[in-house]
Amino acid sequence: MTPFKTFILSSIILTIIALIVTYGATQLTESIHPATMVTPFVDIEGANVTGEGLIIKLIVSNATGNITITGGYAEILETGQSSSLNVTGPLTLEAVYPLMPQYVNLSTIGIKGLVSGTFYGDPMYIGFFLVAPIHVSISMWVSNVHYNNCLLNMTISYSTPIPIVINSFTNVTLIDDTESEYVFYTIGNISKSILLAPGVNSTSITMNVGEIPNTRVFSCSLTTGHLYTLYLPITVTYIYPTTSITTQLTLYKAFIAGG
């Protein structure tokens, strides 16, 4: 074979090899897709003002892979209050701040901070800046009832960030659910003026129902083992820094006598 023919044949072979390599590279490139970076971020679950103080609840969203949350801190803007974040779930955290009077008048608050953790065993930090709606949370309930010799002793427990005044009780009723009978019921309002200071606390109230006008008393004691329900409609006034709001609530307590 002449050198020229050898050159032509070699060129054809090299060209075919080049085409095969190019085609393979093209197919490999088309099968490779760029990875999408998934970035976790911190979101707000709740910002509540209670008798305990301001409670912030956060959640780490968009978290994929082997992420472990270990803590962090959060600062309330314009107050200087800062607190460590306590882990309450795999991706949830909570911080509690001392109660400040202005919190009950705010509609939103600014929060900034840092969440710490690990990502596949390596240290990880997520910075955040959030503006969150703020909610005032007030709760009140009857925690204990005792009735003997026509004396009704009640313990009212509460959690409130603002002062509350109990103005009156209306149509207070105690029912023996076991016998489907009234123990007593009052007719109309019983005026009171009981101040509940901000915080988480309880207050005891005693009534001699036998001496309350317009009261129907069917029994002055309870039967051990019977199920009873006390119905306690009340009028209260919430004292905010700039205004007061009066409203009605109905509290109740189901209990077993002697239990």
C-alpha atoms as a PDB file:
ATOM      1  CA  MET A   1       0.000   0.000   0.000  1.00  0.00           C
ATOM      2  CA  THR A   2       1.370   3.353  -0.968  1.00  0.00           C
ATOM      3  CA  PRO A   3       2.056   6.008   1.657  1.00  0.00           C
ATOM      4  CA  PHE A   4      -0.746   8.170   0.269  1.00  0.00           C
ATOM      5  CA  LYS A   5      -3.326   5.393   0.605  1.00  0.00           C
ATOM      6  CA  THR A   6      -2.052   4.698   4.128  1.00  0.00           C
ATOM      7  CA  PHE A   7      -2.502   8.366   5.016  1.00  0.00           C
ATOM      8  CA  ILE A   8      -6.052   8.427   3.623  1.00  0.00           C
ATOM      9  CA  LEU A   9      -7.011   5.269   5.510  1.00  0.00           C
ATOM     10  CA  SER A  10      -5.527   6.545   8.761  1.00  0.00           C
ATOM     11  CA  SER A  11      -7.400   9.837   8.377  1.00  0.00           C
ATOM     12  CA  ILE A  12     -10.706   8.033   7.868  1.00  0.00           C
ATOM     13  CA  ILE A  13     -10.141   5.847  10.938  1.00  0.00           C
ATOM     14  CA  LEU A  14      -9.187   8.834  13.100  1.00  0.00           C
ATOM     15  CA  THR A  15     -12.216  10.759  11.876  1.00  0.00           C
ATOM     16  CA  ILE A  16     -14.531   7.859  12.756  1.00  0.00           C
ATOM     17  CA  ILE A  17     -12.964   7.598  16.227  1.00  0.00           C
ATOM     18  CA  ALA A  18     -13.346  11.362  16.739  1.00  0.00           C
ATOM     19  CA  LEU A  19     -17.014  11.179  15.743  1.00  0.00           C
ATOM     20  CA  ILE A  20     -17.630   8.298  18.165  1.00  0.00           C
ATOM     21  CA  VAL A  21     -15.900  10.150  21.035  1.00  0.00           C
ATOM     22  CA  THR A  22     -17.818  13.356  20.267  1.00  0.00           C
ATOM     23  CA  TYR A  23     -21.149  11.513  20.177  1.00  0.00           C
ATOM     24  CA  GLY A  24     -20.400   9.765  23.475  1.00  0.00           C
ATOM     25  CA  ALA A  25     -19.395  13.009  25.137  1.00  0.00           C
ATOM     26  CA  THR A  26     -22.575  14.676  23.891  1.00  0.00           C
ATOM     27  CA  GLN A  27     -24.760  11.910  25.287  1.00  0.00           C
ATOM     28  CA  LEU A  28     -22.931  12.021  28.638  1.00  0.00           C
ATOM     29  CA  THR A  29     -23.312  15.802  28.837  1.00  0.00           C
ATOM     30  CA  GLU A  30     -27.050  15.578  28.138  1.00  0.00           C
ATOM     31  CA  SER A  31     -27.463  13.036  30.947  1.00  0.00           C
ATOM     32  CA  ILE A  32     -25.812  15.312  33.531  1.00  0.00           C
ATOM     33  CA  HIS A  33     -28.077  17.932  35.147  1.00  0.00           C
ATOM     34  CA  PRO A  34     -26.886  20.698  37.448  1.00  0.00           C
ATOM     35  CA  ALA A  35     -27.735  20.062  41.130  1.00  0.00           C
ATOM     36  CA  THR A  36     -30.289  22.373  42.769  1.00  0.00           C
ATOM     37  CA  MET A  37     -29.013  23.837  46.030  1.00  0.00           C
ATOM     38  CA  VAL A  38     -31.658  23.491  48.765  1.00  0.00           C
ATOM     39  CA  THR A  39     -31.132  26.174  51.423  1.00  0.00           C
ATOM     40  CA  PRO A  40     -32.875  25.850  54.809  1.00  0.00           C
ATOM     41  CA  PHE A  41     -34.321  29.004  56.356  1.00  0.00           C
ATOM     42  CA  VAL A  42     -35.952  30.045  59.623  1.00  0.00           C
ATOM     43  CA  ASP A  43     -39.643  30.948  59.782  1.00  0.00           C
ATOM     44  CA  ILE A  44     -41.936  32.113  62.573  1.00  0.00           C
ATOM     45  CA  GLU A  45     -44.546  29.783  64.072  1.00  0.00           C
ATOM     46  CA  GLY A  46     -45.865  32.217  66.667  1.00  0.00           C
ATOM     47  CA  ALA A  47     -45.172  35.301  68.777  1.00  0.00           C
ATOM     48  CA  ASN A  48     -47.465  35.384  71.810  1.00  0.00           C
ATOM     49  CA  VAL A  49     -47.577  37.750  74.774  1.00  0.00           C
ATOM     50  CA  THR A  50     -48.732  35.764  77.819  1.00  0.00           C
ATOM     51  CA  GLY A  51     -48.535  35.978  81.576  1.00  0.00           C
ATOM     52  CA  GLU A  52     -45.157  34.232  81.311  1.00  0.00           C
ATOM     53  CA  GLY A  53     -43.775  36.898  78.951  1.00  0.00           C
ATOM     54  CA  LEU A  54     -43.174  37.035  75.209  1.00  0.00           C
ATOM     55  CA  ILE A  55     -42.922  33.533  73.744  1.00  0.00           C
ATOM     56  CA  ILE A  56     -41.334  33.166  70.301  1.00  0.00           C
ATOM     57  CA  LYS A  57     -41.671  29.886  68.391  1.00  0.00           C
ATOM     58  CA  LEU A  58     -39.501  29.271  65.300  1.00  0.00           C
ATOM     59  CA  ILE A  59     -39.237  26.468  62.738  1.00  0.00           C
ATOM     60  CA  VAL A  60     -36.462  25.577  60.294  1.00  0.00           C
ATOM     61  CA  SER A  61     -38.109  25.165  56.876  1.00  0.00           C
ATOM     62  CA  ASN A  62     -36.859  23.722  53.596  1.00  0.00           C
ATOM     63  CA  ALA A  63     -34.597  21.383  55.571  1.00  0.00           C
ATOM     64  CA  THR A  64     -33.459  18.331  53.612  1.00  0.00           C
ATOM     65  CA  GLY A  65     -30.680  15.863  54.246  1.00  0.00           C
ATOM     66  CA  ASN A  66     -29.047  15.055  57.544  1.00  0.00           C
ATOM     67  CA  ILE A  67     -29.733  18.265  59.508  1.00  0.00           C
ATOM     68  CA  THR A  68     -29.650  18.453  63.293  1.00  0.00           C
ATOM     69  CA  ILE A  69     -30.707  21.635  65.117  1.00  0.00           C
ATOM     70  CA  THR A  70     -28.817  22.302  68.358  1.00  0.00           C
ATOM     71  CA  GLY A  71     -29.849  25.821  69.456  1.00  0.00           C
ATOM     72  CA  GLY A  72     -29.023  29.439  68.748  1.00  0.00           C
ATOM     73  CA  TYR A  73     -30.250  32.835  69.902  1.00  0.00           C
ATOM     74  CA  ALA A  74     -32.890  35.417  68.967  1.00  0.00           C
ATOM     75  CA  GLU A  75     -33.015  39.148  69.701  1.00  0.00           C
ATOM     76  CA  ILE A  76     -36.120  41.331  69.816  1.00  0.00           C
ATOM     77  CA  LEU A  77     -35.377  44.538  67.925  1.00  0.00           C
ATOM     78  CA  GLU A  78     -35.722  47.908  69.667  1.00  0.00           C
ATOM     79  CA  THR A  79     -35.969  46.310  73.116  1.00  0.00           C
ATOM     80  CA  GLY A  80     -32.470  44.942  73.673  1.00  0.00           C
ATOM     81  CA  GLN A  81     -33.953  41.633  74.838  1.00  0.00           C
ATOM     82  CA  SER A  82     -32.001  38.578  73.714  1.00  0.00           C
ATOM     83  CA  SER A  83     -32.473  34.937  74.635  1.00  0.00           C
ATOM     84  CA  SER A  84     -31.063  31.556  73.766  1.00  0.00           C
ATOM     85  CA  LEU A  85     -33.222  29.298  71.614  1.00  0.00           C
ATOM     86  CA  ASN A  86     -34.322  26.032  73.175  1.00  0.00           C
ATOM     87  CA  VAL A  87     -34.892  23.074  70.858  1.00  0.00           C
ATOM     88  CA  THR A  88     -38.492  21.834  71.260  1.00  0.00           C
ATOM     89  CA  GLY A  89     -38.614  19.425  68.306  1.00  0.00           C
ATOM     90  CA  PRO A  90     -36.459  18.137  65.433  1.00  0.00           C
ATOM     91  CA  LEU A  91     -36.827  21.452  63.558  1.00  0.00           C
ATOM     92  CA  THR A  92     -38.550  23.735  66.099  1.00  0.00           C
ATOM     93  CA  LEU A  93     -37.179  26.169  68.674  1.00  0.00           C
ATOM     94  CA  GLU A  94     -38.573  28.462  71.358  1.00  0.00           C
ATOM     95  CA  ALA A  95     -37.441  31.474  73.354  1.00  0.00           C
ATOM     96  CA  VAL A  96     -39.115  33.248  76.291  1.00  0.00           C
ATOM     97  CA  TYR A  97     -38.525  36.930  77.125  1.00  0.00           C
ATOM     98  CA  PRO A  98     -39.561  38.921  80.226  1.00  0.00           C
ATOM     99  CA  LEU A  99     -42.841  40.756  79.807  1.00  0.00           C
ATOM    100  CA  MET A 100     -42.571  44.399  78.709  1.00  0.00           C
ATOM    101  CA  PRO A 101     -45.633  46.744  78.781  1.00  0.00           C
ATOM    102  CA  GLN A 102     -45.263  47.821  75.140  1.00  0.00           C
ATOM    103  CA  TYR A 103     -45.685  44.280  73.831  1.00  0.00           C
ATOM    104  CA  VAL A 104     -49.458  44.319  74.383  1.00  0.00           C
ATOM    105  CA  ASN A 105     -49.801  47.396  72.130  1.00  0.00           C
ATOM    106  CA  LEU A 106     -47.675  46.175  69.213  1.00  0.00           C
ATOM    107  CA  SER A 107     -49.112  44.546  66.102  1.00  0.00           C
ATOM    108  CA  THR A 108     -45.737  43.240  64.871  1.00  0.00           C
ATOM    109  CA  ILE A 109     -42.211  42.776  66.187  1.00  0.00           C
ATOM    110  CA  GLY A 110     -38.810  42.400  64.556  1.00  0.00           C
ATOM    111  CA  ILE A 111     -36.698  39.363  65.419  1.00  0.00           C
ATOM    112  CA  LYS A 112     -33.146  38.606  64.354  1.00  0.00           C
ATOM    113  CA  GLY A 113     -30.748  35.873  65.345  1.00  0.00           C
ATOM    114  CA  LEU A 114     -28.886  32.722  64.507  1.00  0.00           C
ATOM    115  CA  VAL A 115     -29.834  29.039  64.541  1.00  0.00           C
ATOM    116  CA  SER A 116     -26.995  26.564  65.010  1.00  0.00           C
ATOM    117  CA  GLY A 117     -26.822  22.903  64.105  1.00  0.00           C
ATOM    118  CA  THR A 118     -25.013  20.335  61.997  1.00  0.00           C
ATOM    119  CA  PHE A 119     -25.323  19.255  58.372  1.00  0.00           C
ATOM    120  CA  TYR A 120     -24.025  15.732  57.785  1.00  0.00           C
ATOM    121  CA  GLY A 121     -21.966  16.173  60.944  1.00  0.00           C
ATOM    122  CA  ASP A 122     -20.408  19.511  59.959  1.00  0.00           C
ATOM    123  CA  PRO A 123     -21.249  22.766  61.820  1.00  0.00           C
ATOM    124  CA  MET A 124     -24.119  24.754  60.258  1.00  0.00           C
ATOM    125  CA  TYR A 125     -25.476  28.228  61.010  1.00  0.00           C
ATOM    126  CA  ILE A 126     -28.646  29.893  59.684  1.00  0.00           C
ATOM    127  CA  GLY A 127     -29.022  33.624  60.167  1.00  0.00           C
ATOM    128  CA  PHE A 128     -32.509  35.176  60.094  1.00  0.00           C
ATOM    129  CA  PHE A 129     -34.378  38.476  60.258  1.00  0.00           C
ATOM    130  CA  LEU A 130     -38.152  38.217  60.671  1.00  0.00           C
ATOM    131  CA  VAL A 131     -41.106  40.528  61.128  1.00  0.00           C
ATOM    132  CA  ALA A 132     -43.869  38.638  62.920  1.00  0.00           C
ATOM    133  CA  PRO A 133     -47.451  39.457  63.959  1.00  0.00           C
ATOM    134  CA  ILE A 134     -47.822  39.516  67.721  1.00  0.00           C
ATOM    135  CA  HIS A 135     -50.784  38.068  69.635  1.00  0.00           C
ATOM    136  CA  VAL A 136     -51.938  38.807  73.174  1.00  0.00           C
ATOM    137  CA  SER A 137     -52.876  35.544  74.889  1.00  0.00           C
ATOM    138  CA  ILE A 138     -55.072  35.620  78.018  1.00  0.00           C
ATOM    139  CA  SER A 139     -56.461  32.515  79.708  1.00  0.00           C
ATOM    140  CA  MET A 140     -58.557  31.968  82.827  1.00  0.00           C
ATOM    141  CA  TRP A 141     -60.017  28.794  84.306  1.00  0.00           C
ATOM    142  CA  VAL A 142     -61.507  27.315  87.480  1.00  0.00           C
ATOM    143  CA  SER A 143     -58.830  25.039  88.886  1.00  0.00           C
ATOM    144  CA  ASN A 144     -60.506  23.888  92.111  1.00  0.00           C
ATOM    145  CA  VAL A 145     -63.965  23.778  93.721  1.00  0.00           C
ATOM    146  CA  HIS A 146     -65.004  22.917  97.285  1.00  0.00           C
ATOM    147  CA  TYR A 147     -68.561  23.143  98.660  1.00  0.00           C
ATOM    148  CA  ASN A 148     -69.631  22.444 102.236  1.00  0.00           C
ATOM    149  CA  ASN A 149     -72.083  24.035 104.734  1.00  0.00           C
ATOM    150  CA  CYS A 150     -73.357  26.138 101.812  1.00  0.00           C
ATOM    151  CA  LEU A 151     -69.915  27.723 101.456  1.00  0.00           C
ATOM    152  CA  LEU A 152     -68.596  27.681  97.901  1.00  0.00           C
ATOM    153  CA  ASN A 153     -64.796  27.947  97.692  1.00  0.00           C
ATOM    154  CA  MET A 154     -63.353  28.407  94.183  1.00  0.00           C
ATOM    155  CA  THR A 155     -59.832  28.816  92.902  1.00  0.00           C
ATOM    156  CA  ILE A 156     -59.560  30.760  89.661  1.00  0.00           C
ATOM    157  CA  SER A 157     -56.236  30.403  87.861  1.00  0.00           C
ATOM    158  CA  TYR A 158     -55.076  32.689  85.101  1.00  0.00           C
ATOM    159  CA  SER A 159     -52.288  33.719  82.746  1.00  0.00           C
ATOM    160  CA  THR A 160     -52.390  37.324  81.597  1.00  0.00           C
ATOM    161  CA  PRO A 161     -49.906  39.983  80.431  1.00  0.00           C
ATOM    162  CA  ILE A 162     -52.261  42.792  81.514  1.00  0.00           C
ATOM    163  CA  PRO A 163     -54.325  43.532  84.648  1.00  0.00           C
ATOM    164  CA  ILE A 164     -57.843  42.050  84.721  1.00  0.00           C
ATOM    165  CA  VAL A 165     -60.746  43.029  86.973  1.00  0.00           C
ATOM    166  CA  ILE A 166     -63.525  40.525  87.700  1.00  0.00           C
ATOM    167  CA  ASN A 167     -66.613  42.733  87.970  1.00  0.00           C
ATOM    168  CA  SER A 168     -69.392  40.252  88.672  1.00  0.00           C
ATOM    169  CA  PHE A 169     -70.672  36.682  88.596  1.00  0.00           C
ATOM    170  CA  THR A 170     -73.985  35.955  86.899  1.00  0.00           C
ATOM    171  CA  ASN A 171     -76.363  33.014  87.458  1.00  0.00           C
ATOM    172  CA  VAL A 172     -73.763  30.850  89.178  1.00  0.00           C
ATOM    173  CA  THR A 173     -74.935  27.225  89.063  1.00  0.00           C
ATOM    174  CA  LEU A 174     -73.741  23.965  90.620  1.00  0.00           C
ATOM    175  CA  ILE A 175     -75.257  20.742  89.249  1.00  0.00           C
ATOM    176  CA  ASP A 176     -75.068  17.162  90.494  1.00  0.00           C
ATOM    177  CA  ASP A 177     -74.561  15.416  87.149  1.00  0.00           C
ATOM    178  CA  THR A 178     -74.809  11.967  88.701  1.00  0.00           C
ATOM    179  CA  GLU A 179     -78.351  12.631  89.938  1.00  0.00           C
ATOM    180  CA  SER A 180     -79.231  15.263  87.293  1.00  0.00           C
ATOM    181  CA  GLU A 181     -80.188  17.677  90.065  1.00  0.00           C
ATOM    182  CA  TYR A 182     -79.375  21.256  91.013  1.00  0.00           C
ATOM    183  CA  VAL A 183     -77.252  21.789  94.103  1.00  0.00           C
ATOM    184  CA  PHE A 184     -77.904  25.517  93.890  1.00  0.00           C
ATOM    185  CA  TYR A 185     -78.313  28.310  91.382  1.00  0.00           C
ATOM    186  CA  THR A 186     -78.252  32.083  91.717  1.00  0.00           C
ATOM    187  CA  ILE A 187     -80.441  34.521  89.817  1.00  0.00           C
ATOM    188  CA  GLY A 188     -78.885  37.757  88.545  1.00  0.00           C
ATOM    189  CA  ASN A 189     -75.511  39.378  89.186  1.00  0.00           C
ATOM    190  CA  ILE A 190     -73.222  39.075  92.185  1.00  0.00           C
ATOM    191  CA  SER A 191     -71.072  42.198  92.176  1.00  0.00           C
ATOM    192  CA  LYS A 192     -67.348  41.804  92.790  1.00  0.00           C
ATOM    193  CA  SER A 193     -64.182  43.815  92.265  1.00  0.00           C
ATOM    194  CA  ILE A 194     -61.288  41.387  92.102  1.00  0.00           C
ATOM    195  CA  LEU A 195     -58.027  42.562  90.541  1.00  0.00           C
ATOM    196  CA  LEU A 196     -55.840  39.965  88.822  1.00  0.00           C
ATOM    197  CA  ALA A 197     -52.288  41.259  88.413  1.00  0.00           C
ATOM    198  CA  PRO A 198     -50.234  40.391  85.289  1.00  0.00           C
ATOM    199  CA  GLY A 199     -48.502  37.040  85.445  1.00  0.00           C
ATOM    200  CA  VAL A 200     -49.437  33.410  86.033  1.00  0.00           C
ATOM    201  CA  ASN A 201     -51.252  33.039  89.334  1.00  0.00           C
ATOM    202  CA  SER A 202     -54.425  32.000  91.165  1.00  0.00           C
ATOM    203  CA  THR A 203     -56.978  33.686  93.390  1.00  0.00           C
ATOM    204  CA  SER A 204     -59.394  32.118  95.879  1.00  0.00           C
ATOM    205  CA  ILE A 205     -63.019  33.261  96.127  1.00  0.00           C
ATOM    206  CA  THR A 206     -65.512  32.244  98.813  1.00  0.00           C
ATOM    207  CA  MET A 207     -69.296  32.663  98.619  1.00  0.00           C
ATOM    208  CA  ASN A 208     -71.913  31.801 101.211  1.00  0.00           C
ATOM    209  CA  VAL A 209     -74.645  30.856  98.766  1.00  0.00           C
ATOM    210  CA  GLY A 210     -77.195  30.559 101.556  1.00  0.00           C
ATOM    211  CA  GLU A 211     -76.872  34.305 102.171  1.00  0.00           C
ATOM    212  CA  ILE A 212     -76.960  35.471  98.536  1.00  0.00           C
ATOM    213  CA  PRO A 213     -80.318  37.027  97.589  1.00  0.00           C
ATOM    214  CA  ASN A 214     -82.321  35.319  94.833  1.00  0.00           C
ATOM    215  CA  THR A 215     -80.528  32.000  95.287  1.00  0.00           C
ATOM    216  CA  ARG A 216     -82.190  28.580  95.222  1.00  0.00           C
ATOM    217  CA  VAL A 217     -80.289  26.135  97.437  1.00  0.00           C
ATOM    218  CA  PHE A 218     -81.207  22.434  97.280  1.00  0.00           C
ATOM    219  CA  SER A 219     -78.213  21.026  99.164  1.00  0.00           C
ATOM    220  CA  CYS A 220     -75.457  22.498 101.331  1.00  0.00           C
ATOM    221  CA  SER A 221     -73.000  19.643 100.812  1.00  0.00           C
ATOM    222  CA  LEU A 222     -71.746  17.245  98.171  1.00  0.00           C
ATOM    223  CA  THR A 223     -71.969  13.466  97.918  1.00  0.00           C
ATOM    224  CA  THR A 224     -68.616  11.742  97.692  1.00  0.00           C
ATOM    225  CA  GLY A 225     -68.113  10.029  94.336  1.00  0.00           C
ATOM    226  CA  HIS A 226     -70.747  12.085  92.497  1.00  0.00           C
ATOM    227  CA  LEU A 227     -69.829  14.057  89.390  1.00  0.00           C
ATOM    228  CA  TYR A 228     -70.554  17.792  89.614  1.00  0.00           C
ATOM    229  CA  THR A 229     -70.261  20.754  87.246  1.00  0.00           C
ATOM    230  CA  LEU A 230     -69.914  24.369  88.325  1.00  0.00           C
ATOM    231  CA  TYR A 231     -71.000  26.974  85.754  1.00  0.00           C
ATOM    232  CA  LEU A 232     -69.513  30.397  86.404  1.00  0.00           C
ATOM    233  CA  PRO A 233     -70.457  33.208  83.964  1.00  0.00           C
ATOM    234  CA  ILE A 234     -68.384  36.300  84.764  1.00  0.00           C
ATOM    235  CA  THR A 235     -67.935  39.864  83.553  1.00  0.00           C
ATOM    236  CA  VAL A 236     -64.323  41.000  83.299  1.00  0.00           C
ATOM    237  CA  THR A 237     -62.475  44.144  82.244  1.00  0.00           C
ATOM    238  CA  TYR A 238     -59.137  43.868  80.442  1.00  0.00           C
ATOM    239  CA  ILE A 239     -56.976  46.891  81.297  1.00  0.00           C
ATOM    240  CA  TYR A 240     -54.671  47.681  78.359  1.00  0.00           C
ATOM    241  CA  PRO A 241     -52.148  50.558  78.573  1.00  0.00           C
ATOM    242  CA  THR A 242     -54.299  52.836  76.414  1.00  0.00           C
ATOM    243  CA  THR A 243     -57.812  51.409  76.750  1.00  0.00           C
ATOM    244  CA  SER A 244     -60.043  49.040  78.707  1.00  0.00           C
ATOM    245  CA  ILE A 245     -62.333  46.358  77.301  1.00  0.00           C
ATOM    246  CA  THR A 246     -65.212  44.779  79.227  1.00  0.00           C
ATOM    247  CA  THR A 247     -66.544  41.408  78.142  1.00  0.00           C
ATOM    248  CA  GLN A 248     -68.333  38.304  79.418  1.00  0.00           C
ATOM    249  CA  LEU A 249     -66.865  34.829  79.865  1.00  0.00           C
ATOM    250  CA  THR A 250     -68.297  31.533  81.002  1.00  0.00           C
ATOM    251  CA  LEU A 251     -65.968  29.389  83.104  1.00  0.00           C
ATOM    252  CA  TYR A 252     -66.868  25.905  84.237  1.00  0.00           C
ATOM    253  CA  LYS A 253     -65.371  23.091  86.230  1.00  0.00           C
ATOM    254  CA  ALA A 254     -66.368  19.418  86.193  1.00  0.00           C
ATOM    255  CA  PHE A 255     -65.155  17.456  89.227  1.00  0.00           C
ATOM    256  CA  ILE A 256     -65.825  14.392  91.366  1.00  0.00           C
ATOM    257  CA  ALA A 257     -66.589  15.118  94.993  1.00  0.00           C
ATOM    258  CA  GLY A 258     -63.959  13.648  97.272  1.00  0.00           C
ATOM    259  CA  GLY A 259     -61.847  12.687  94.254  1.00  0.00           C
END
